[in-house]
Amino acid sequence: MKEIIKAPIITEKSANISADGKKVVLKVSKDANKVQIRQAVEKAFDVKVTNVNTVNVRAKKKRVGRYEGKTSAYKKAIITLAEGSKLDLS
C-alpha cells in the first residue's frame, strides 16, 4: 500500500485554518482521492472525519541569481474533524 499521508503543512495560513481545533491541513499523495484520505486519517490518528477538501498546489517558478527552477507540486488536504475528535500536529 502506498503512503497517502505525507506530512502536516505548518504555515501561517494553515495555522489560521486549524486555530479552532476542528480542521487540520496535510500534504497527501497526488493520486489519493477523498475517500482514501479520509480512511487513512481515521486509521492513522484514530479520529472521526466529517469532511475532506483537497487542493492541487501547482509548482511555482523560483530564481536564485541567474539560476531558475521550480518548487514541487503537491496535493493539500483540509480535514474537518467531528465534534469531540482532536488532532494536534504542532
N, C-alpha and C. Protein backbone atom coordinates (compact mmCIF):
# COMPACT_ATOMS: atom_id res chain seq x y z
N MET A 1 0.84 -1.19 0.00
CA MET A 1 0.00 0.00 0.00
C MET A 1 0.88 1.25 0.00
N LYS A 2 0.48 2.20 -0.80
CA LYS A 2 1.27 3.43 -0.90
C LYS A 2 0.99 4.34 0.30
N GLU A 3 1.92 5.22 0.53
CA GLU A 3 1.78 6.18 1.63
C GLU A 3 0.87 7.32 1.18
N ILE A 4 -0.25 7.51 1.87
CA ILE A 4 -1.21 8.54 1.48
C ILE A 4 -0.90 9.85 2.21
N ILE A 5 -0.73 9.79 3.52
CA ILE A 5 -0.43 10.99 4.30
C ILE A 5 1.08 11.19 4.29
N LYS A 6 1.52 12.35 3.79
CA LYS A 6 2.96 12.60 3.69
C LYS A 6 3.48 13.44 4.85
N ALA A 7 2.84 14.59 5.13
CA ALA A 7 3.33 15.48 6.19
C ALA A 7 2.28 16.51 6.53
N PRO A 8 2.34 17.06 7.74
CA PRO A 8 1.47 18.20 8.04
C PRO A 8 2.02 19.46 7.37
N ILE A 9 1.14 20.38 7.04
CA ILE A 9 1.56 21.66 6.47
C ILE A 9 1.49 22.69 7.58
N ILE A 10 2.65 23.22 7.96
CA ILE A 10 2.74 24.19 9.06
C ILE A 10 3.09 25.54 8.44
N THR A 11 2.09 26.34 8.16
CA THR A 11 2.27 27.69 7.66
C THR A 11 1.34 28.61 8.43
N GLU A 12 1.48 29.88 8.22
CA GLU A 12 0.61 30.84 8.89
C GLU A 12 -0.84 30.65 8.47
N LYS A 13 -1.06 30.40 7.19
CA LYS A 13 -2.41 30.20 6.68
C LYS A 13 -3.04 28.93 7.26
N SER A 14 -2.27 27.84 7.31
CA SER A 14 -2.81 26.60 7.86
C SER A 14 -3.03 26.71 9.37
N ALA A 15 -2.22 27.52 10.04
CA ALA A 15 -2.43 27.74 11.48
C ALA A 15 -3.73 28.49 11.73
N ASN A 16 -4.06 29.44 10.86
CA ASN A 16 -5.33 30.15 10.99
C ASN A 16 -6.51 29.23 10.71
N ILE A 17 -6.38 28.34 9.75
CA ILE A 17 -7.45 27.39 9.43
C ILE A 17 -7.69 26.45 10.60
N SER A 18 -6.63 25.97 11.21
CA SER A 18 -6.76 24.98 12.28
C SER A 18 -6.79 25.58 13.68
N ALA A 19 -7.00 26.89 13.79
CA ALA A 19 -6.98 27.54 15.10
C ALA A 19 -8.12 27.07 16.00
N ASP A 20 -9.28 26.74 15.43
CA ASP A 20 -10.41 26.31 16.25
C ASP A 20 -10.30 24.85 16.70
N GLY A 21 -9.35 24.12 16.15
CA GLY A 21 -9.14 22.73 16.54
C GLY A 21 -10.00 21.74 15.77
N LYS A 22 -10.83 22.21 14.85
CA LYS A 22 -11.70 21.32 14.09
C LYS A 22 -11.14 20.94 12.74
N LYS A 23 -10.12 21.66 12.26
CA LYS A 23 -9.55 21.39 10.94
C LYS A 23 -8.05 21.16 11.04
N VAL A 24 -7.55 20.33 10.12
CA VAL A 24 -6.13 20.00 10.04
C VAL A 24 -5.74 20.05 8.56
N VAL A 25 -4.55 20.58 8.26
CA VAL A 25 -4.07 20.67 6.88
C VAL A 25 -2.89 19.72 6.72
N LEU A 26 -3.00 18.82 5.72
CA LEU A 26 -1.98 17.81 5.49
C LEU A 26 -1.54 17.78 4.03
N LYS A 27 -0.28 17.43 3.80
CA LYS A 27 0.21 17.16 2.45
C LYS A 27 -0.05 15.68 2.21
N VAL A 28 -0.69 15.37 1.06
CA VAL A 28 -1.08 13.99 0.78
C VAL A 28 -0.56 13.57 -0.60
N SER A 29 -0.67 12.30 -0.88
CA SER A 29 -0.25 11.75 -2.17
C SER A 29 -1.08 12.36 -3.29
N LYS A 30 -0.43 12.63 -4.44
CA LYS A 30 -1.12 13.29 -5.56
C LYS A 30 -2.25 12.46 -6.14
N ASP A 31 -2.13 11.14 -6.12
CA ASP A 31 -3.15 10.31 -6.73
C ASP A 31 -4.18 9.76 -5.74
N ALA A 32 -4.16 10.23 -4.50
CA ALA A 32 -5.15 9.79 -3.50
C ALA A 32 -6.44 10.57 -3.67
N ASN A 33 -7.58 9.89 -3.53
CA ASN A 33 -8.85 10.59 -3.59
C ASN A 33 -9.36 10.88 -2.18
N LYS A 34 -10.51 11.55 -2.08
CA LYS A 34 -11.02 11.98 -0.79
C LYS A 34 -11.37 10.81 0.13
N VAL A 35 -11.91 9.75 -0.44
CA VAL A 35 -12.28 8.58 0.36
C VAL A 35 -11.03 7.93 0.95
N GLN A 36 -9.99 7.78 0.14
CA GLN A 36 -8.74 7.18 0.62
C GLN A 36 -8.10 8.04 1.69
N ILE A 37 -8.14 9.37 1.51
CA ILE A 37 -7.57 10.28 2.50
C ILE A 37 -8.33 10.17 3.82
N ARG A 38 -9.66 10.14 3.76
CA ARG A 38 -10.49 10.01 4.97
C ARG A 38 -10.14 8.72 5.71
N GLN A 39 -10.07 7.60 5.01
CA GLN A 39 -9.78 6.32 5.64
C GLN A 39 -8.39 6.30 6.25
N ALA A 40 -7.41 6.90 5.56
CA ALA A 40 -6.04 6.92 6.07
C ALA A 40 -5.93 7.75 7.34
N VAL A 41 -6.60 8.92 7.38
CA VAL A 41 -6.54 9.77 8.57
C VAL A 41 -7.25 9.11 9.74
N GLU A 42 -8.42 8.51 9.49
CA GLU A 42 -9.15 7.85 10.58
C GLU A 42 -8.37 6.67 11.15
N LYS A 43 -7.69 5.93 10.28
CA LYS A 43 -6.92 4.77 10.74
C LYS A 43 -5.64 5.20 11.46
N ALA A 44 -4.93 6.20 10.92
CA ALA A 44 -3.63 6.59 11.47
C ALA A 44 -3.76 7.33 12.80
N PHE A 45 -4.76 8.19 12.94
CA PHE A 45 -4.85 9.05 14.12
C PHE A 45 -6.02 8.72 15.04
N ASP A 46 -6.84 7.72 14.67
CA ASP A 46 -7.97 7.28 15.49
C ASP A 46 -8.92 8.44 15.82
N VAL A 47 -9.34 9.16 14.77
CA VAL A 47 -10.30 10.25 14.90
C VAL A 47 -11.43 10.04 13.90
N LYS A 48 -12.53 10.76 14.06
CA LYS A 48 -13.66 10.70 13.13
C LYS A 48 -13.61 11.92 12.22
N VAL A 49 -13.61 11.69 10.90
CA VAL A 49 -13.52 12.76 9.91
C VAL A 49 -14.92 13.00 9.33
N THR A 50 -15.33 14.28 9.27
CA THR A 50 -16.63 14.60 8.69
C THR A 50 -16.53 15.10 7.26
N ASN A 51 -15.42 15.75 6.89
CA ASN A 51 -15.30 16.33 5.56
C ASN A 51 -13.83 16.38 5.15
N VAL A 52 -13.59 16.22 3.83
CA VAL A 52 -12.25 16.32 3.27
C VAL A 52 -12.32 17.23 2.05
N ASN A 53 -11.55 18.30 2.04
CA ASN A 53 -11.41 19.18 0.88
C ASN A 53 -9.98 19.07 0.39
N THR A 54 -9.82 19.00 -0.94
CA THR A 54 -8.48 18.86 -1.50
C THR A 54 -8.16 20.01 -2.45
N VAL A 55 -6.87 20.34 -2.54
CA VAL A 55 -6.38 21.39 -3.42
C VAL A 55 -5.11 20.88 -4.08
N ASN A 56 -5.04 20.97 -5.41
CA ASN A 56 -3.80 20.66 -6.12
C ASN A 56 -2.98 21.94 -6.19
N VAL A 57 -1.86 21.97 -5.50
CA VAL A 57 -0.99 23.15 -5.45
C VAL A 57 0.02 23.03 -6.59
N ARG A 58 0.00 23.99 -7.49
CA ARG A 58 0.89 23.96 -8.66
C ARG A 58 2.31 24.34 -8.27
N ALA A 59 3.26 23.93 -9.11
CA ALA A 59 4.66 24.31 -8.93
C ALA A 59 4.82 25.79 -9.26
N LYS A 60 5.70 26.47 -8.55
CA LYS A 60 5.97 27.88 -8.78
C LYS A 60 7.40 28.06 -9.27
N LYS A 61 7.59 29.01 -10.17
CA LYS A 61 8.94 29.31 -10.65
C LYS A 61 9.68 30.11 -9.59
N LYS A 62 10.93 29.75 -9.37
CA LYS A 62 11.78 30.46 -8.41
C LYS A 62 13.11 30.75 -9.08
N ARG A 63 13.72 31.85 -8.65
CA ARG A 63 15.05 32.23 -9.17
C ARG A 63 15.99 32.50 -8.02
N VAL A 64 17.23 32.07 -8.19
CA VAL A 64 18.31 32.45 -7.29
C VAL A 64 19.43 32.93 -8.20
N GLY A 65 19.56 34.25 -8.30
CA GLY A 65 20.53 34.81 -9.23
C GLY A 65 20.14 34.50 -10.66
N ARG A 66 21.03 33.88 -11.39
CA ARG A 66 20.72 33.56 -12.79
C ARG A 66 20.14 32.16 -12.95
N TYR A 67 20.00 31.43 -11.87
CA TYR A 67 19.51 30.06 -11.94
C TYR A 67 18.01 30.02 -11.71
N GLU A 68 17.32 29.30 -12.59
CA GLU A 68 15.88 29.16 -12.46
C GLU A 68 15.53 27.73 -12.09
N GLY A 69 14.43 27.59 -11.39
CA GLY A 69 13.94 26.27 -11.03
C GLY A 69 12.48 26.35 -10.67
N LYS A 70 11.94 25.25 -10.21
CA LYS A 70 10.54 25.21 -9.79
C LYS A 70 10.44 24.52 -8.45
N THR A 71 9.44 24.93 -7.68
CA THR A 71 9.12 24.22 -6.45
C THR A 71 8.32 22.98 -6.84
N SER A 72 8.21 22.04 -5.95
CA SER A 72 7.47 20.82 -6.23
C SER A 72 5.97 21.07 -6.15
N ALA A 73 5.21 20.47 -7.05
CA ALA A 73 3.76 20.50 -6.98
C ALA A 73 3.32 19.41 -5.99
N TYR A 74 2.21 19.65 -5.28
CA TYR A 74 1.72 18.67 -4.32
C TYR A 74 0.21 18.82 -4.15
N LYS A 75 -0.38 17.88 -3.46
CA LYS A 75 -1.81 17.93 -3.14
C LYS A 75 -1.96 18.21 -1.66
N LYS A 76 -2.85 19.13 -1.34
CA LYS A 76 -3.10 19.54 0.04
C LYS A 76 -4.52 19.11 0.41
N ALA A 77 -4.69 18.55 1.60
CA ALA A 77 -6.00 18.13 2.07
C ALA A 77 -6.33 18.90 3.35
N ILE A 78 -7.53 19.48 3.37
CA ILE A 78 -8.03 20.16 4.57
C ILE A 78 -9.07 19.23 5.18
N ILE A 79 -8.75 18.68 6.35
CA ILE A 79 -9.57 17.67 7.01
C ILE A 79 -10.41 18.34 8.09
N THR A 80 -11.73 18.12 8.07
CA THR A 80 -12.62 18.61 9.11
C THR A 80 -12.94 17.44 10.03
N LEU A 81 -12.69 17.63 11.32
CA LEU A 81 -12.90 16.57 12.30
C LEU A 81 -14.28 16.69 12.93
N ALA A 82 -14.81 15.56 13.39
CA ALA A 82 -16.11 15.54 14.05
C ALA A 82 -16.00 16.15 15.44
N GLU A 83 -17.15 16.52 16.01
CA GLU A 83 -17.19 17.05 17.37
C GLU A 83 -16.61 16.02 18.34
N GLY A 84 -15.75 16.47 19.22
CA GLY A 84 -15.14 15.59 20.20
C GLY A 84 -13.82 14.98 19.72
N SER A 85 -13.55 14.99 18.43
CA SER A 85 -12.29 14.48 17.92
C SER A 85 -11.27 15.62 17.95
N LYS A 86 -10.03 15.28 18.33
CA LYS A 86 -8.98 16.29 18.40
C LYS A 86 -7.70 15.69 17.85
N LEU A 87 -6.98 16.48 17.05
CA LEU A 87 -5.73 16.04 16.46
C LEU A 87 -4.76 17.21 16.51
N ASP A 88 -3.68 17.03 17.26
CA ASP A 88 -2.69 18.10 17.41
C ASP A 88 -1.39 17.68 16.73
N LEU A 89 -1.05 18.36 15.63
CA LEU A 89 0.16 18.02 14.89
C LEU A 89 1.31 18.96 15.15
N SER A 90 1.07 20.05 15.86
CA SER A 90 2.15 21.04 16.07
C SER A 90 3.02 20.71 17.25
